[in-house]
Amino acid sequence: MVAALRMMKASLALWLGAIALVACAPRATTTTTPAPPVPTRPAESGDISPGEVTTVAEGLAAPWSIAFSGDVALISERDTARIVEVSDEGALHELGVVPGVEPRGEGGLLDRSRRPPRCR
């Protein structure tokens, strides 16, 4: 019992000493120079024609990214991790499911890309 009490007192003294040292340490000072202003130029005005919205596929749960393999559109679904091919007519053909995808928080399928051809 006495040994345990001594150990607690020694531990408390050590912690109080560490806190005192940290509290007495000088503040770190850093000097930074402000960045020079970025030159700006007015936006160029021009004729902007609105685009046309076209539905290319339906029935996707959470379409996330699209990549092309030649002329074939490959779409990934964020939460299900499905990779689907979209035909010119809009039909979907499931190519596969990426294993290990957890559709919670930041664990879903965030993006994918087609592997580029090898350089020779």
PDB file of N, CA and C in Angstrom:
ATOM      1  N   MET A   1       0.817  -1.187   0.000  1.00  0.00           N
ATOM      2  CA  MET A   1       0.000   0.000   0.000  1.00  0.00           C
ATOM      3  C   MET A   1       0.862   1.253   0.000  1.00  0.00           C
ATOM      4  N   VAL A   2       1.894   1.261   0.839  1.00  0.00           N
ATOM      5  CA  VAL A   2       2.782   2.418   0.922  1.00  0.00           C
ATOM      6  C   VAL A   2       3.555   2.568  -0.382  1.00  0.00           C
ATOM      7  N   ALA A   3       3.972   1.442  -0.950  1.00  0.00           N
ATOM      8  CA  ALA A   3       4.720   1.494  -2.213  1.00  0.00           C
ATOM      9  C   ALA A   3       3.835   2.031  -3.332  1.00  0.00           C
ATOM     10  N   ALA A   4       2.572   1.637  -3.342  1.00  0.00           N
ATOM     11  CA  ALA A   4       1.650   2.127  -4.368  1.00  0.00           C
ATOM     12  C   ALA A   4       1.419   3.621  -4.216  1.00  0.00           C
ATOM     13  N   LEU A   5       1.317   4.102  -2.981  1.00  0.00           N
ATOM     14  CA  LEU A   5       1.127   5.527  -2.730  1.00  0.00           C
ATOM     15  C   LEU A   5       2.346   6.320  -3.188  1.00  0.00           C
ATOM     16  N   ARG A   6       3.538   5.794  -2.907  1.00  0.00           N
ATOM     17  CA  ARG A   6       4.768   6.468  -3.365  1.00  0.00           C
ATOM     18  C   ARG A   6       4.825   6.522  -4.892  1.00  0.00           C
ATOM     19  N   MET A   7       4.398   5.419  -5.527  1.00  0.00           N
ATOM     20  CA  MET A   7       4.413   5.365  -6.990  1.00  0.00           C
ATOM     21  C   MET A   7       3.453   6.400  -7.565  1.00  0.00           C
ATOM     22  N   MET A   8       2.280   6.543  -6.962  1.00  0.00           N
ATOM     23  CA  MET A   8       1.314   7.532  -7.436  1.00  0.00           C
ATOM     24  C   MET A   8       1.842   8.948  -7.253  1.00  0.00           C
ATOM     25  N   LYS A   9       2.490   9.222  -6.119  1.00  0.00           N
ATOM     26  CA  LYS A   9       3.051  10.555  -5.876  1.00  0.00           C
ATOM     27  C   LYS A   9       4.160  10.860  -6.875  1.00  0.00           C
ATOM     28  N   ALA A  10       5.009   9.872  -7.133  1.00  0.00           N
ATOM     29  CA  ALA A  10       6.101  10.073  -8.084  1.00  0.00           C
ATOM     30  C   ALA A  10       5.551  10.311  -9.487  1.00  0.00           C
ATOM     31  N   SER A  11       4.524   9.561  -9.862  1.00  0.00           N
ATOM     32  CA  SER A  11       3.913   9.739 -11.175  1.00  0.00           C
ATOM     33  C   SER A  11       3.275  11.112 -11.298  1.00  0.00           C
ATOM     34  N   LEU A  12       2.573  11.552 -10.251  1.00  0.00           N
ATOM     35  CA  LEU A  12       1.953  12.872 -10.251  1.00  0.00           C
ATOM     36  C   LEU A  12       3.010  13.965 -10.345  1.00  0.00           C
ATOM     37  N   ALA A  13       4.101  13.815  -9.614  1.00  0.00           N
ATOM     38  CA  ALA A  13       5.176  14.809  -9.662  1.00  0.00           C
ATOM     39  C   ALA A  13       5.795  14.868 -11.052  1.00  0.00           C
ATOM     40  N   LEU A  14       5.953  13.723 -11.685  1.00  0.00           N
ATOM     41  CA  LEU A  14       6.518  13.683 -13.031  1.00  0.00           C
ATOM     42  C   LEU A  14       5.603  14.399 -14.017  1.00  0.00           C
ATOM     43  N   TRP A  15       4.303  14.136 -13.951  1.00  0.00           N
ATOM     44  CA  TRP A  15       3.347  14.797 -14.842  1.00  0.00           C
ATOM     45  C   TRP A  15       3.309  16.302 -14.607  1.00  0.00           C
ATOM     46  N   LEU A  16       3.297  16.725 -13.358  1.00  0.00           N
ATOM     47  CA  LEU A  16       3.272  18.160 -13.064  1.00  0.00           C
ATOM     48  C   LEU A  16       4.538  18.840 -13.567  1.00  0.00           C
ATOM     49  N   GLY A  17       5.670  18.163 -13.437  1.00  0.00           N
ATOM     50  CA  GLY A  17       6.926  18.720 -13.953  1.00  0.00           C
ATOM     51  C   GLY A  17       6.904  18.853 -15.467  1.00  0.00           C
ATOM     52  N   ALA A  18       6.369  17.842 -16.140  1.00  0.00           N
ATOM     53  CA  ALA A  18       6.289  17.902 -17.604  1.00  0.00           C
ATOM     54  C   ALA A  18       5.367  19.025 -18.053  1.00  0.00           C
ATOM     55  N   ILE A  19       4.234  19.187 -17.372  1.00  0.00           N
ATOM     56  CA  ILE A  19       3.304  20.264 -17.722  1.00  0.00           C
ATOM     57  C   ILE A  19       3.949  21.622 -17.490  1.00  0.00           C
ATOM     58  N   ALA A  20       4.693  21.764 -16.397  1.00  0.00           N
ATOM     59  CA  ALA A  20       5.360  23.037 -16.114  1.00  0.00           C
ATOM     60  C   ALA A  20       6.397  23.358 -17.182  1.00  0.00           C
ATOM     61  N   LEU A  21       7.137  22.356 -17.636  1.00  0.00           N
ATOM     62  CA  LEU A  21       8.139  22.598 -18.678  1.00  0.00           C
ATOM     63  C   LEU A  21       7.489  23.028 -19.985  1.00  0.00           C
ATOM     64  N   VAL A  22       6.407  22.378 -20.342  1.00  0.00           N
ATOM     65  CA  VAL A  22       5.716  22.732 -21.581  1.00  0.00           C
ATOM     66  C   VAL A  22       5.115  24.126 -21.472  1.00  0.00           C
ATOM     67  N   ALA A  23       4.551  24.453 -20.317  1.00  0.00           N
ATOM     68  CA  ALA A  23       3.922  25.764 -20.135  1.00  0.00           C
ATOM     69  C   ALA A  23       4.943  26.892 -20.164  1.00  0.00           C
ATOM     70  N   CYS A  24       6.164  26.629 -19.746  1.00  0.00           N
ATOM     71  CA  CYS A  24       7.192  27.669 -19.695  1.00  0.00           C
ATOM     72  C   CYS A  24       7.987  27.790 -20.989  1.00  0.00           C
ATOM     73  N   ALA A  25       7.768  26.907 -21.910  1.00  0.00           N
ATOM     74  CA  ALA A  25       8.517  26.951 -23.169  1.00  0.00           C
ATOM     75  C   ALA A  25       8.121  28.193 -23.954  1.00  0.00           C
ATOM     76  N   PRO A  26       9.096  28.816 -24.635  1.00  0.00           N
ATOM     77  CA  PRO A  26       8.761  30.013 -25.415  1.00  0.00           C
ATOM     78  C   PRO A  26       7.888  29.643 -26.608  1.00  0.00           C
ATOM     79  N   ARG A  27       7.050  30.572 -27.001  1.00  0.00           N
ATOM     80  CA  ARG A  27       6.200  30.363 -28.174  1.00  0.00           C
ATOM     81  C   ARG A  27       7.047  30.335 -29.431  1.00  0.00           C
ATOM     82  N   ALA A  28       6.689  29.464 -30.321  1.00  0.00           N
ATOM     83  CA  ALA A  28       7.378  29.418 -31.609  1.00  0.00           C
ATOM     84  C   ALA A  28       6.920  30.611 -32.435  1.00  0.00           C
ATOM     85  N   THR A  29       7.873  31.311 -32.988  1.00  0.00           N
ATOM     86  CA  THR A  29       7.524  32.451 -33.831  1.00  0.00           C
ATOM     87  C   THR A  29       7.949  32.145 -35.252  1.00  0.00           C
ATOM     88  N   THR A  30       7.071  32.416 -36.148  1.00  0.00           N
ATOM     89  CA  THR A  30       7.387  32.235 -37.556  1.00  0.00           C
ATOM     90  C   THR A  30       7.115  33.545 -38.260  1.00  0.00           C
ATOM     91  N   THR A  31       7.962  33.838 -39.175  1.00  0.00           N
ATOM     92  CA  THR A  31       7.751  35.040 -39.971  1.00  0.00           C
ATOM     93  C   THR A  31       7.460  34.605 -41.389  1.00  0.00           C
ATOM     94  N   THR A  32       6.390  35.100 -41.896  1.00  0.00           N
ATOM     95  CA  THR A  32       6.031  34.792 -43.270  1.00  0.00           C
ATOM     96  C   THR A  32       5.813  36.090 -44.010  1.00  0.00           C
ATOM     97  N   THR A  33       6.193  36.067 -45.240  1.00  0.00           N
ATOM     98  CA  THR A  33       5.944  37.241 -46.072  1.00  0.00           C
ATOM     99  C   THR A  33       4.704  36.956 -46.901  1.00  0.00           C
ATOM    100  N   PRO A  34       3.852  37.933 -47.027  1.00  0.00           N
ATOM    101  CA  PRO A  34       2.644  37.693 -47.807  1.00  0.00           C
ATOM    102  C   PRO A  34       2.975  37.426 -49.269  1.00  0.00           C
ATOM    103  N   ALA A  35       2.169  36.602 -49.874  1.00  0.00           N
ATOM    104  CA  ALA A  35       2.357  36.289 -51.289  1.00  0.00           C
ATOM    105  C   ALA A  35       2.031  37.520 -52.121  1.00  0.00           C
ATOM    106  N   PRO A  36       2.758  37.708 -53.211  1.00  0.00           N
ATOM    107  CA  PRO A  36       2.446  38.852 -54.069  1.00  0.00           C
ATOM    108  C   PRO A  36       1.062  38.669 -54.682  1.00  0.00           C
ATOM    109  N   PRO A  37       0.384  39.759 -54.958  1.00  0.00           N
ATOM    110  CA  PRO A  37      -0.954  39.629 -55.537  1.00  0.00           C
ATOM    111  C   PRO A  37      -0.894  38.965 -56.910  1.00  0.00           C
ATOM    112  N   VAL A  38      -1.881  38.152 -57.163  1.00  0.00           N
ATOM    113  CA  VAL A  38      -1.969  37.455 -58.443  1.00  0.00           C
ATOM    114  C   VAL A  38      -2.611  38.401 -59.450  1.00  0.00           C
ATOM    115  N   PRO A  39      -1.933  38.617 -60.568  1.00  0.00           N
ATOM    116  CA  PRO A  39      -2.531  39.512 -61.559  1.00  0.00           C
ATOM    117  C   PRO A  39      -3.808  38.887 -62.119  1.00  0.00           C
ATOM    118  N   THR A  40      -4.816  39.694 -62.243  1.00  0.00           N
ATOM    119  CA  THR A  40      -6.078  39.198 -62.784  1.00  0.00           C
ATOM    120  C   THR A  40      -6.406  39.951 -64.053  1.00  0.00           C
ATOM    121  N   ARG A  41      -7.090  39.268 -64.902  1.00  0.00           N
ATOM    122  CA  ARG A  41      -7.547  39.924 -66.122  1.00  0.00           C
ATOM    123  C   ARG A  41      -9.043  39.672 -66.230  1.00  0.00           C
ATOM    124  N   PRO A  42      -9.742  40.572 -66.816  1.00  0.00           N
ATOM    125  CA  PRO A  42     -11.186  40.378 -66.908  1.00  0.00           C
ATOM    126  C   PRO A  42     -11.515  39.166 -67.775  1.00  0.00           C
ATOM    127  N   ALA A  43     -12.595  38.511 -67.424  1.00  0.00           N
ATOM    128  CA  ALA A  43     -13.035  37.350 -68.196  1.00  0.00           C
ATOM    129  C   ALA A  43     -13.442  37.795 -69.590  1.00  0.00           C
ATOM    130  N   GLU A  44     -13.070  36.977 -70.540  1.00  0.00           N
ATOM    131  CA  GLU A  44     -13.434  37.298 -71.914  1.00  0.00           C
ATOM    132  C   GLU A  44     -14.899  36.962 -72.131  1.00  0.00           C
ATOM    133  N   SER A  45     -15.594  37.889 -72.713  1.00  0.00           N
ATOM    134  CA  SER A  45     -16.998  37.611 -72.989  1.00  0.00           C
ATOM    135  C   SER A  45     -17.109  36.976 -74.364  1.00  0.00           C
ATOM    136  N   GLY A  46     -18.037  36.121 -74.486  1.00  0.00           N
ATOM    137  CA  GLY A  46     -18.250  35.443 -75.763  1.00  0.00           C
ATOM    138  C   GLY A  46     -19.625  34.829 -75.778  1.00  0.00           C
ATOM    139  N   ASP A  47     -19.978  34.352 -76.903  1.00  0.00           N
ATOM    140  CA  ASP A  47     -21.277  33.709 -77.022  1.00  0.00           C
ATOM    141  C   ASP A  47     -21.187  32.297 -76.453  1.00  0.00           C
ATOM    142  N   ILE A  48     -22.000  32.040 -75.473  1.00  0.00           N
ATOM    143  CA  ILE A  48     -22.052  30.712 -74.870  1.00  0.00           C
ATOM    144  C   ILE A  48     -23.419  30.133 -75.168  1.00  0.00           C
ATOM    145  N   SER A  49     -23.393  29.026 -75.846  1.00  0.00           N
ATOM    146  CA  SER A  49     -24.674  28.388 -76.145  1.00  0.00           C
ATOM    147  C   SER A  49     -24.895  27.266 -75.141  1.00  0.00           C
ATOM    148  N   PRO A  50     -26.080  27.173 -74.585  1.00  0.00           N
ATOM    149  CA  PRO A  50     -26.344  26.113 -73.613  1.00  0.00           C
ATOM    150  C   PRO A  50     -26.293  24.750 -74.291  1.00  0.00           C
ATOM    151  N   GLY A  51     -25.774  23.776 -73.563  1.00  0.00           N
ATOM    152  CA  GLY A  51     -25.710  22.429 -74.103  1.00  0.00           C
ATOM    153  C   GLY A  51     -27.055  21.748 -74.021  1.00  0.00           C
ATOM    154  N   GLU A  52     -27.125  20.591 -74.616  1.00  0.00           N
ATOM    155  CA  GLU A  52     -28.362  19.825 -74.614  1.00  0.00           C
ATOM    156  C   GLU A  52     -28.178  18.606 -73.729  1.00  0.00           C
ATOM    157  N   VAL A  53     -29.091  18.393 -72.801  1.00  0.00           N
ATOM    158  CA  VAL A  53     -29.029  17.252 -71.901  1.00  0.00           C
ATOM    159  C   VAL A  53     -29.656  16.050 -72.588  1.00  0.00           C
ATOM    160  N   THR A  54     -28.907  14.948 -72.607  1.00  0.00           N
ATOM    161  CA  THR A  54     -29.384  13.725 -73.237  1.00  0.00           C
ATOM    162  C   THR A  54     -29.177  12.562 -72.277  1.00  0.00           C
ATOM    163  N   THR A  55     -30.195  11.780 -72.053  1.00  0.00           N
ATOM    164  CA  THR A  55     -30.078  10.582 -71.226  1.00  0.00           C
ATOM    165  C   THR A  55     -29.487   9.477 -72.080  1.00  0.00           C
ATOM    166  N   VAL A  56     -28.371   8.905 -71.613  1.00  0.00           N
ATOM    167  CA  VAL A  56     -27.723   7.841 -72.385  1.00  0.00           C
ATOM    168  C   VAL A  56     -27.954   6.467 -71.772  1.00  0.00           C
ATOM    169  N   ALA A  57     -28.315   6.405 -70.477  1.00  0.00           N
ATOM    170  CA  ALA A  57     -28.583   5.123 -69.825  1.00  0.00           C
ATOM    171  C   ALA A  57     -29.467   5.364 -68.609  1.00  0.00           C
ATOM    172  N   GLU A  58     -30.298   4.390 -68.299  1.00  0.00           N
ATOM    173  CA  GLU A  58     -31.162   4.457 -67.125  1.00  0.00           C
ATOM    174  C   GLU A  58     -30.986   3.185 -66.317  1.00  0.00           C
ATOM    175  N   GLY A  59     -31.338   3.259 -65.035  1.00  0.00           N
ATOM    176  CA  GLY A  59     -31.273   2.075 -64.187  1.00  0.00           C
ATOM    177  C   GLY A  59     -29.974   1.933 -63.427  1.00  0.00           C
ATOM    178  N   LEU A  60     -29.178   2.984 -63.357  1.00  0.00           N
ATOM    179  CA  LEU A  60     -27.934   2.942 -62.601  1.00  0.00           C
ATOM    180  C   LEU A  60     -28.216   3.410 -61.172  1.00  0.00           C
ATOM    181  N   ALA A  61     -27.659   2.700 -60.172  1.00  0.00           N
ATOM    182  CA  ALA A  61     -27.920   3.028 -58.773  1.00  0.00           C
ATOM    183  C   ALA A  61     -27.243   4.336 -58.364  1.00  0.00           C
ATOM    184  N   ALA A  62     -25.960   4.441 -58.551  1.00  0.00           N
ATOM    185  CA  ALA A  62     -25.214   5.652 -58.196  1.00  0.00           C
ATOM    186  C   ALA A  62     -24.061   5.795 -59.177  1.00  0.00           C
ATOM    187  N   PRO A  63     -24.348   6.201 -60.422  1.00  0.00           N
ATOM    188  CA  PRO A  63     -23.266   6.322 -61.405  1.00  0.00           C
ATOM    189  C   PRO A  63     -22.227   7.310 -60.911  1.00  0.00           C
ATOM    190  N   TRP A  64     -20.959   6.928 -61.028  1.00  0.00           N
ATOM    191  CA  TRP A  64     -19.928   7.750 -60.428  1.00  0.00           C
ATOM    192  C   TRP A  64     -18.894   8.233 -61.429  1.00  0.00           C
ATOM    193  N   SER A  65     -18.365   7.351 -62.204  1.00  0.00           N
ATOM    194  CA  SER A  65     -17.341   7.787 -63.153  1.00  0.00           C
ATOM    195  C   SER A  65     -17.543   7.060 -64.474  1.00  0.00           C
ATOM    196  N   ILE A  66     -16.960   7.647 -65.490  1.00  0.00           N
ATOM    197  CA  ILE A  66     -17.070   7.065 -66.821  1.00  0.00           C
ATOM    198  C   ILE A  66     -15.683   7.071 -67.447  1.00  0.00           C
ATOM    199  N   ALA A  67     -15.368   5.996 -68.113  1.00  0.00           N
ATOM    200  CA  ALA A  67     -14.111   5.898 -68.855  1.00  0.00           C
ATOM    201  C   ALA A  67     -14.442   5.228 -70.175  1.00  0.00           C
ATOM    202  N   PHE A  68     -13.653   5.517 -71.160  1.00  0.00           N
ATOM    203  CA  PHE A  68     -13.901   4.937 -72.474  1.00  0.00           C
ATOM    204  C   PHE A  68     -12.797   3.956 -72.810  1.00  0.00           C
ATOM    205  N   SER A  69     -13.202   2.816 -73.340  1.00  0.00           N
ATOM    206  CA  SER A  69     -12.278   1.830 -73.865  1.00  0.00           C
ATOM    207  C   SER A  69     -12.587   1.751 -75.349  1.00  0.00           C
ATOM    208  N   GLY A  70     -11.837   2.514 -76.123  1.00  0.00           N
ATOM    209  CA  GLY A  70     -12.178   2.668 -77.530  1.00  0.00           C
ATOM    210  C   GLY A  70     -13.438   3.499 -77.628  1.00  0.00           C
ATOM    211  N   ASP A  71     -14.462   2.963 -78.268  1.00  0.00           N
ATOM    212  CA  ASP A  71     -15.747   3.659 -78.378  1.00  0.00           C
ATOM    213  C   ASP A  71     -16.749   3.196 -77.329  1.00  0.00           C
ATOM    214  N   VAL A  72     -16.334   2.308 -76.433  1.00  0.00           N
ATOM    215  CA  VAL A  72     -17.246   1.736 -75.445  1.00  0.00           C
ATOM    216  C   VAL A  72     -17.174   2.540 -74.150  1.00  0.00           C
ATOM    217  N   ALA A  73     -18.351   2.970 -73.658  1.00  0.00           N
ATOM    218  CA  ALA A  73     -18.420   3.704 -72.393  1.00  0.00           C
ATOM    219  C   ALA A  73     -18.524   2.712 -71.241  1.00  0.00           C
ATOM    220  N   LEU A  74     -17.639   2.856 -70.257  1.00  0.00           N
ATOM    221  CA  LEU A  74     -17.663   2.026 -69.058  1.00  0.00           C
ATOM    222  C   LEU A  74     -18.020   2.926 -67.883  1.00  0.00           C
ATOM    223  N   ILE A  75     -19.068   2.565 -67.155  1.00  0.00           N
ATOM    224  CA  ILE A  75     -19.527   3.376 -66.032  1.00  0.00           C
ATOM    225  C   ILE A  75     -19.376   2.568 -64.753  1.00  0.00           C
ATOM    226  N   SER A  76     -18.880   3.228 -63.707  1.00  0.00           N
ATOM    227  CA  SER A  76     -18.798   2.574 -62.402  1.00  0.00           C
ATOM    228  C   SER A  76     -19.881   3.137 -61.499  1.00  0.00           C
ATOM    229  N   GLU A  77     -20.420   2.271 -60.651  1.00  0.00           N
ATOM    230  CA  GLU A  77     -21.388   2.699 -59.651  1.00  0.00           C
ATOM    231  C   GLU A  77     -20.665   2.794 -58.314  1.00  0.00           C
ATOM    232  N   ARG A  78     -20.812   3.923 -57.661  1.00  0.00           N
ATOM    233  CA  ARG A  78     -20.088   4.207 -56.426  1.00  0.00           C
ATOM    234  C   ARG A  78     -20.394   3.216 -55.312  1.00  0.00           C
ATOM    235  N   ASP A  79     -21.663   2.945 -55.048  1.00  0.00           N
ATOM    236  CA  ASP A  79     -22.027   2.153 -53.881  1.00  0.00           C
ATOM    237  C   ASP A  79     -22.047   0.650 -54.121  1.00  0.00           C
ATOM    238  N   THR A  80     -22.393   0.221 -55.332  1.00  0.00           N
ATOM    239  CA  THR A  80     -22.463  -1.215 -55.615  1.00  0.00           C
ATOM    240  C   THR A  80     -21.163  -1.756 -56.182  1.00  0.00           C
ATOM    241  N   ALA A  81     -20.274  -0.887 -56.637  1.00  0.00           N
ATOM    242  CA  ALA A  81     -18.981  -1.244 -57.232  1.00  0.00           C
ATOM    243  C   ALA A  81     -19.132  -2.000 -58.541  1.00  0.00           C
ATOM    244  N   ARG A  82     -20.312  -1.912 -59.155  1.00  0.00           N
ATOM    245  CA  ARG A  82     -20.506  -2.549 -60.458  1.00  0.00           C
ATOM    246  C   ARG A  82     -19.799  -1.733 -61.533  1.00  0.00           C
ATOM    247  N   ILE A  83     -19.258  -2.434 -62.514  1.00  0.00           N
ATOM    248  CA  ILE A  83     -18.727  -1.809 -63.718  1.00  0.00           C
ATOM    249  C   ILE A  83     -19.628  -2.273 -64.852  1.00  0.00           C
ATOM    250  N   VAL A  84     -20.253  -1.315 -65.518  1.00  0.00           N
ATOM    251  CA  VAL A  84     -21.182  -1.662 -66.588  1.00  0.00           C
ATOM    252  C   VAL A  84     -20.743  -1.021 -67.891  1.00  0.00           C
ATOM    253  N   GLU A  85     -21.067  -1.721 -68.962  1.00  0.00           N
ATOM    254  CA  GLU A  85     -20.818  -1.224 -70.310  1.00  0.00           C
ATOM    255  C   GLU A  85     -22.143  -0.675 -70.827  1.00  0.00           C
ATOM    256  N   VAL A  86     -22.090   0.480 -71.458  1.00  0.00           N
ATOM    257  CA  VAL A  86     -23.296   1.097 -72.002  1.00  0.00           C
ATOM    258  C   VAL A  86     -23.219   1.010 -73.522  1.00  0.00           C
ATOM    259  N   SER A  87     -24.236   0.381 -74.111  1.00  0.00           N
ATOM    260  CA  SER A  87     -24.263   0.277 -75.576  1.00  0.00           C
ATOM    261  C   SER A  87     -24.734   1.595 -76.170  1.00  0.00           C
ATOM    262  N   ASP A  88     -24.615   1.712 -77.475  1.00  0.00           N
ATOM    263  CA  ASP A  88     -25.073   2.925 -78.161  1.00  0.00           C
ATOM    264  C   ASP A  88     -26.570   3.148 -77.966  1.00  0.00           C
ATOM    265  N   GLU A  89     -27.312   2.068 -77.746  1.00  0.00           N
ATOM    266  CA  GLU A  89     -28.759   2.174 -77.545  1.00  0.00           C
ATOM    267  C   GLU A  89     -29.116   2.462 -76.093  1.00  0.00           C
ATOM    268  N   GLY A  90     -28.127   2.468 -75.187  1.00  0.00           N
ATOM    269  CA  GLY A  90     -28.379   2.733 -73.776  1.00  0.00           C
ATOM    270  C   GLY A  90     -28.558   1.491 -72.932  1.00  0.00           C
ATOM    271  N   ALA A  91     -28.396   0.307 -73.539  1.00  0.00           N
ATOM    272  CA  ALA A  91     -28.527  -0.936 -72.779  1.00  0.00           C
ATOM    273  C   ALA A  91     -27.298  -1.120 -71.891  1.00  0.00           C
ATOM    274  N   LEU A  92     -27.527  -1.662 -70.685  1.00  0.00           N
ATOM    275  CA  LEU A  92     -26.439  -1.896 -69.737  1.00  0.00           C
ATOM    276  C   LEU A  92     -26.045  -3.361 -69.745  1.00  0.00           C
ATOM    277  N   HIS A  93     -24.745  -3.606 -69.705  1.00  0.00           N
ATOM    278  CA  HIS A  93     -24.220  -4.969 -69.618  1.00  0.00           C
ATOM    279  C   HIS A  93     -23.193  -4.962 -68.497  1.00  0.00           C
ATOM    280  N   GLU A  94     -23.476  -5.712 -67.413  1.00  0.00           N
ATOM    281  CA  GLU A  94     -22.558  -5.735 -66.274  1.00  0.00           C
ATOM    282  C   GLU A  94     -21.300  -6.506 -66.635  1.00  0.00           C
ATOM    283  N   LEU A  95     -20.154  -5.858 -66.477  1.00  0.00           N
ATOM    284  CA  LEU A  95     -18.878  -6.502 -66.762  1.00  0.00           C
ATOM    285  C   LEU A  95     -18.303  -7.169 -65.527  1.00  0.00           C
ATOM    286  N   GLY A  96     -18.620  -6.644 -64.360  1.00  0.00           N
ATOM    287  CA  GLY A  96     -18.101  -7.223 -63.128  1.00  0.00           C
ATOM    288  C   GLY A  96     -18.338  -6.310 -61.949  1.00  0.00           C
ATOM    289  N   VAL A  97     -17.888  -6.786 -60.783  1.00  0.00           N
ATOM    290  CA  VAL A  97     -18.000  -6.027 -59.543  1.00  0.00           C
ATOM    291  C   VAL A  97     -16.611  -5.959 -58.926  1.00  0.00           C
ATOM    292  N   VAL A  98     -16.198  -4.772 -58.521  1.00  0.00           N
ATOM    293  CA  VAL A  98     -14.893  -4.590 -57.888  1.00  0.00           C
ATOM    294  C   VAL A  98     -14.988  -5.132 -56.462  1.00  0.00           C
ATOM    295  N   PRO A  99     -14.127  -6.095 -56.087  1.00  0.00           N
ATOM    296  CA  PRO A  99     -14.224  -6.685 -54.752  1.00  0.00           C
ATOM    297  C   PRO A  99     -13.710  -5.737 -53.664  1.00  0.00           C
ATOM    298  N   GLY A 100     -14.247  -5.908 -52.454  1.00  0.00           N
ATOM    299  CA  GLY A 100     -13.741  -5.183 -51.293  1.00  0.00           C
ATOM    300  C   GLY A 100     -14.225  -3.756 -51.137  1.00  0.00           C
ATOM    301  N   VAL A 101     -15.235  -3.351 -51.870  1.00  0.00           N
ATOM    302  CA  VAL A 101     -15.725  -1.974 -51.773  1.00  0.00           C
ATOM    303  C   VAL A 101     -16.750  -1.893 -50.652  1.00  0.00           C
ATOM    304  N   GLU A 102     -16.560  -0.952 -49.731  1.00  0.00           N
ATOM    305  CA  GLU A 102     -17.484  -0.722 -48.617  1.00  0.00           C
ATOM    306  C   GLU A 102     -18.208   0.586 -48.872  1.00  0.00           C
ATOM    307  N   PRO A 103     -19.502   0.552 -49.192  1.00  0.00           N
ATOM    308  CA  PRO A 103     -20.216   1.784 -49.543  1.00  0.00           C
ATOM    309  C   PRO A 103     -20.641   2.616 -48.338  1.00  0.00           C
ATOM    310  N   ARG A 104     -19.723   2.870 -47.413  1.00  0.00           N
ATOM    311  CA  ARG A 104     -20.009   3.716 -46.255  1.00  0.00           C
ATOM    312  C   ARG A 104     -18.916   4.763 -46.156  1.00  0.00           C
ATOM    313  N   GLY A 105     -19.300   5.984 -45.840  1.00  0.00           N
ATOM    314  CA  GLY A 105     -18.318   7.050 -45.673  1.00  0.00           C
ATOM    315  C   GLY A 105     -17.497   7.227 -46.929  1.00  0.00           C
ATOM    316  N   GLU A 106     -16.190   7.170 -46.791  1.00  0.00           N
ATOM    317  CA  GLU A 106     -15.289   7.329 -47.926  1.00  0.00           C
ATOM    318  C   GLU A 106     -14.860   5.981 -48.498  1.00  0.00           C
ATOM    319  N   GLY A 107     -15.540   4.911 -48.131  1.00  0.00           N
ATOM    320  CA  GLY A 107     -15.103   3.587 -48.551  1.00  0.00           C
ATOM    321  C   GLY A 107     -15.694   3.091 -49.847  1.00  0.00           C
ATOM    322  N   GLY A 108     -16.570   3.857 -50.477  1.00  0.00           N
ATOM    323  CA  GLY A 108     -17.170   3.411 -51.729  1.00  0.00           C
ATOM    324  C   GLY A 108     -16.175   3.466 -52.871  1.00  0.00           C
ATOM    325  N   LEU A 109     -16.623   3.039 -54.030  1.00  0.00           N
ATOM    326  CA  LEU A 109     -15.788   3.088 -55.224  1.00  0.00           C
ATOM    327  C   LEU A 109     -15.707   4.538 -55.666  1.00  0.00           C
ATOM    328  N   LEU A 110     -14.571   5.180 -55.444  1.00  0.00           N
ATOM    329  CA  LEU A 110     -14.466   6.612 -55.684  1.00  0.00           C
ATOM    330  C   LEU A 110     -14.152   6.938 -57.132  1.00  0.00           C
ATOM    331  N   ASP A 111     -13.356   6.159 -57.785  1.00  0.00           N
ATOM    332  CA  ASP A 111     -13.058   6.414 -59.189  1.00  0.00           C
ATOM    333  C   ASP A 111     -12.255   5.255 -59.733  1.00  0.00           C
ATOM    334  N   ARG A 112     -12.178   5.180 -61.008  1.00  0.00           N
ATOM    335  CA  ARG A 112     -11.355   4.172 -61.665  1.00  0.00           C
ATOM    336  C   ARG A 112     -11.001   4.709 -63.035  1.00  0.00           C
ATOM    337  N   SER A 113      -9.991   4.152 -63.602  1.00  0.00           N
ATOM    338  CA  SER A 113      -9.612   4.570 -64.947  1.00  0.00           C
ATOM    339  C   SER A 113      -9.120   3.349 -65.705  1.00  0.00           C
ATOM    340  N   ARG A 114      -9.182   3.452 -66.985  1.00  0.00           N
ATOM    341  CA  ARG A 114      -8.708   2.375 -67.844  1.00  0.00           C
ATOM    342  C   ARG A 114      -7.192   2.426 -67.867  1.00  0.00           C
ATOM    343  N   ARG A 115      -6.558   1.262 -67.831  1.00  0.00           N
ATOM    344  CA  ARG A 115      -5.102   1.220 -67.874  1.00  0.00           C
ATOM    345  C   ARG A 115      -4.638   1.697 -69.246  1.00  0.00           C
ATOM    346  N   PRO A 116      -3.705   2.650 -69.275  1.00  0.00           N
ATOM    347  CA  PRO A 116      -3.232   3.146 -70.568  1.00  0.00           C
ATOM    348  C   PRO A 116      -2.439   2.072 -71.306  1.00  0.00           C
ATOM    349  N   PRO A 117      -2.385   2.170 -72.623  1.00  0.00           N
ATOM    350  CA  PRO A 117      -1.588   1.190 -73.370  1.00  0.00           C
ATOM    351  C   PRO A 117      -0.116   1.309 -72.987  1.00  0.00           C
ATOM    352  N   ARG A 118       0.565   0.195 -73.071  1.00  0.00           N
ATOM    353  CA  ARG A 118       1.994   0.199 -72.711  1.00  0.00           C
ATOM    354  C   ARG A 118       2.809   0.995 -73.722  1.00  0.00           C
ATOM    355  N   CYS A 119       3.781   1.719 -73.190  1.00  0.00           N
ATOM    356  CA  CYS A 119       4.691   2.472 -74.069  1.00  0.00           C
ATOM    357  C   CYS A 119       5.708   1.497 -74.637  1.00  0.00           C
ATOM    358  N   ARG A 120       6.064   1.695 -75.851  1.00  0.00           N
ATOM    359  CA  ARG A 120       7.062   0.803 -76.472  1.00  0.00           C
ATOM    360  C   ARG A 120       8.359   1.519 -76.655  1.00  0.00           C
TER     361      ARG A 120
END
